[in-house]
Amino acid sequence: MEVISLLVTPVLLFGTWLTGSLLERRHLESLRLLESGSRDVLAITIEDVPPEWTVESCELVIGNVVISQDYFKRFAAAMKGIVGGRIGVYEPLLERARREALLRMKGVAHARGYNTIINVRIETSPLARSRGDGKGTAGVEIMAFGTAIDVDYATRLQMTGTSA
């Protein structure tokens, strides 16, 4: 009976890790599909509109996503915190969140009739604490924002390097 109780924690951790890895792979694949369909809205980091562009209208657009770390990632990060160094288990989670926030921002711009977003920025902030003592983050918000502009067709062709 004691052997079974000793095996429960490692089996649960392995099951959590396996399930999380599968869900993460599925989410990354769905993001790849969504990104391939969002190429009609350009998102660039330039701050000012070049003088040769003809801008018809503009508006601030925002896309955000809130993520939470699963138990396995928290456990692995806590173990890494003991010895120090890079916490690699969080990197794919944050990459997915950044990509999704950008996709949501581009979706808002597209829905409002814009075809380009300039001055794109990404911000990250903790949202909640997971423990009563105020330590440990339960959730993180990733927000992408920029100025959506509607440029005319000739300017769009010039930006993408294609000819009419």
Protein backbone atom coordinates (compact mmCIF):
# COMPACT_ATOMS: atom_id res chain seq x y z
CA MET A 1 0.00 0.00 0.00
CA GLU A 2 2.86 2.40 0.81
CA VAL A 3 4.44 1.75 -2.59
CA ILE A 4 1.23 2.83 -4.30
CA SER A 5 1.06 6.05 -2.29
CA LEU A 6 4.69 6.81 -3.23
CA LEU A 7 3.89 6.37 -6.93
CA VAL A 8 0.80 8.56 -7.00
CA THR A 9 2.62 11.93 -7.07
CA PRO A 10 5.09 11.05 -9.86
CA VAL A 11 2.31 9.47 -11.93
CA LEU A 12 0.10 12.53 -11.49
CA LEU A 13 2.98 14.87 -12.40
CA PHE A 14 3.80 12.81 -15.49
CA GLY A 15 0.13 12.71 -16.53
CA THR A 16 -0.17 16.48 -16.09
CA TRP A 17 3.00 17.04 -18.10
CA LEU A 18 1.85 14.69 -20.89
CA THR A 19 -1.61 16.27 -21.12
CA GLY A 20 -0.19 19.80 -21.04
CA SER A 21 2.32 18.97 -23.78
CA LEU A 22 -0.41 17.57 -26.02
CA LEU A 23 -2.67 20.58 -25.49
CA GLU A 24 0.26 22.94 -26.10
CA ARG A 25 1.09 21.25 -29.42
CA ARG A 26 -2.55 21.49 -30.51
CA HIS A 27 -2.70 25.17 -29.62
CA LEU A 28 0.53 25.92 -31.51
CA GLU A 29 -0.88 24.18 -34.61
CA SER A 30 -4.13 26.18 -34.41
CA LEU A 31 -2.07 29.39 -34.06
CA ARG A 32 -0.11 28.47 -37.21
CA LEU A 33 -3.38 28.08 -39.12
CA LEU A 34 -4.76 31.37 -37.79
CA GLU A 35 -1.53 33.20 -38.58
CA SER A 36 -1.59 31.99 -42.17
CA GLY A 37 -5.10 33.46 -42.49
CA SER A 38 -4.21 36.82 -40.93
CA ARG A 39 -1.67 37.96 -43.50
CA ASP A 40 -4.06 40.51 -44.99
CA VAL A 41 -3.38 42.82 -42.01
CA LEU A 42 0.24 43.94 -41.71
CA ALA A 43 1.56 44.56 -38.18
CA ILE A 44 4.79 46.57 -38.11
CA THR A 45 6.75 48.48 -35.48
CA ILE A 46 7.46 51.74 -37.32
CA GLU A 47 6.35 54.73 -35.25
CA ASP A 48 5.55 57.22 -38.00
CA VAL A 49 3.75 56.86 -41.29
CA PRO A 50 6.15 57.40 -44.21
CA PRO A 51 5.24 60.54 -46.18
CA GLU A 52 4.57 58.57 -49.38
CA TRP A 53 1.79 56.52 -47.74
CA THR A 54 -1.78 57.70 -48.17
CA VAL A 55 -3.64 57.02 -44.92
CA GLU A 56 -7.43 57.18 -45.09
CA SER A 57 -8.21 56.65 -41.37
CA CYS A 58 -6.68 55.41 -38.11
CA GLU A 59 -7.64 54.02 -34.70
CA LEU A 60 -6.05 52.34 -31.65
CA VAL A 61 -6.51 48.56 -31.66
CA ILE A 62 -5.81 46.15 -28.82
CA GLY A 63 -5.63 42.39 -28.53
CA ASN A 64 -5.05 40.69 -25.22
CA VAL A 65 -4.94 37.24 -23.70
CA VAL A 66 -4.76 36.07 -20.09
CA ILE A 67 -2.83 32.89 -19.38
CA SER A 68 -2.41 30.77 -16.30
CA GLN A 69 0.41 28.43 -15.50
CA ASP A 70 -0.57 24.82 -14.96
CA TYR A 71 0.51 22.90 -11.87
CA PHE A 72 3.38 21.13 -13.65
CA LYS A 73 4.88 24.40 -14.88
CA ARG A 74 4.59 25.89 -11.39
CA PHE A 75 6.22 22.83 -9.88
CA ALA A 76 9.05 22.80 -12.45
CA ALA A 77 9.61 26.55 -12.00
CA ALA A 78 9.76 26.12 -8.23
CA MET A 79 12.41 23.41 -8.63
CA LYS A 80 14.38 25.64 -11.01
CA GLY A 81 14.05 28.49 -8.51
CA ILE A 82 16.06 26.48 -6.02
CA VAL A 83 19.12 26.25 -8.27
CA GLY A 84 18.54 29.35 -10.41
CA GLY A 85 18.75 29.82 -14.17
CA ARG A 86 16.40 30.06 -17.11
CA ILE A 87 12.85 28.78 -16.50
CA GLY A 88 12.29 27.11 -19.87
CA VAL A 89 8.87 25.65 -19.05
CA TYR A 90 7.31 29.12 -19.22
CA GLU A 91 8.80 30.09 -22.59
CA PRO A 92 6.37 28.16 -24.87
CA LEU A 93 3.44 29.40 -22.79
CA LEU A 94 4.47 33.03 -23.21
CA GLU A 95 5.25 32.54 -26.91
CA ARG A 96 1.75 31.19 -27.49
CA ALA A 97 0.24 34.08 -25.55
CA ARG A 98 2.20 36.71 -27.51
CA ARG A 99 1.21 35.18 -30.83
CA GLU A 100 -2.43 34.95 -29.79
CA ALA A 101 -2.50 38.57 -28.56
CA LEU A 102 -1.10 39.71 -31.93
CA LEU A 103 -3.68 37.63 -33.78
CA ARG A 104 -6.51 39.10 -31.70
CA MET A 105 -5.23 42.64 -32.35
CA LYS A 106 -5.06 41.95 -36.08
CA GLY A 107 -8.57 40.48 -35.93
CA VAL A 108 -9.92 43.66 -34.33
CA ALA A 109 -8.23 45.79 -36.99
CA HIS A 110 -9.58 43.61 -39.80
CA ALA A 111 -13.11 43.65 -38.36
CA ARG A 112 -13.01 47.47 -38.28
CA GLY A 113 -11.82 47.68 -41.89
CA TYR A 114 -8.12 48.43 -41.38
CA ASN A 115 -5.35 46.75 -43.34
CA THR A 116 -2.18 47.83 -41.49
CA ILE A 117 -1.13 48.33 -37.87
CA ILE A 118 1.85 50.55 -37.07
CA ASN A 119 3.70 51.23 -33.83
CA VAL A 120 2.92 47.71 -32.59
CA ARG A 121 3.86 47.12 -28.95
CA ILE A 122 3.49 44.18 -26.56
CA GLU A 123 3.09 44.52 -22.80
CA THR A 124 3.04 41.86 -20.08
CA SER A 125 1.66 42.19 -16.57
CA PRO A 126 0.86 39.83 -13.69
CA LEU A 127 -2.83 39.72 -12.83
CA ALA A 128 -3.37 37.67 -9.71
CA ARG A 129 -1.52 36.00 -6.92
CA SER A 130 -1.81 32.24 -6.52
CA ARG A 131 -1.06 32.09 -2.80
CA GLY A 132 -2.51 33.89 0.16
CA ASP A 133 0.87 35.34 1.14
CA GLY A 134 0.95 37.45 -2.05
CA LYS A 135 3.74 35.44 -3.66
CA GLY A 136 3.46 33.52 -6.90
CA THR A 137 1.63 34.64 -10.01
CA ALA A 138 -1.55 32.80 -10.96
CA GLY A 139 -2.13 34.66 -14.22
CA VAL A 140 -0.39 36.90 -16.72
CA GLU A 141 -1.90 39.24 -19.28
CA ILE A 142 -0.19 39.76 -22.62
CA MET A 143 -1.51 42.79 -24.50
CA ALA A 144 -0.63 43.75 -28.07
CA PHE A 145 -1.62 47.21 -29.25
CA GLY A 146 -0.94 49.60 -32.07
CA THR A 147 -2.40 52.19 -34.41
CA ALA A 148 -4.55 50.62 -37.10
CA ILE A 149 -4.48 52.54 -40.35
CA ASP A 150 -6.27 52.13 -43.63
CA VAL A 151 -3.89 52.73 -46.50
CA ASP A 152 -4.95 52.95 -50.12
CA TYR A 153 -4.38 50.10 -52.57
CA ALA A 154 -1.35 51.64 -54.33
CA THR A 155 0.43 52.17 -51.01
CA ARG A 156 -0.40 48.62 -49.98
CA LEU A 157 1.16 47.26 -53.17
CA GLN A 158 4.25 49.36 -52.52
CA MET A 159 4.53 48.06 -48.92
CA THR A 160 4.27 44.40 -49.89
CA GLY A 161 6.58 44.76 -52.90
CA THR A 162 4.05 43.46 -55.42
CA SER A 163 2.96 45.04 -58.68
CA ALA A 164 -0.53 45.74 -59.96
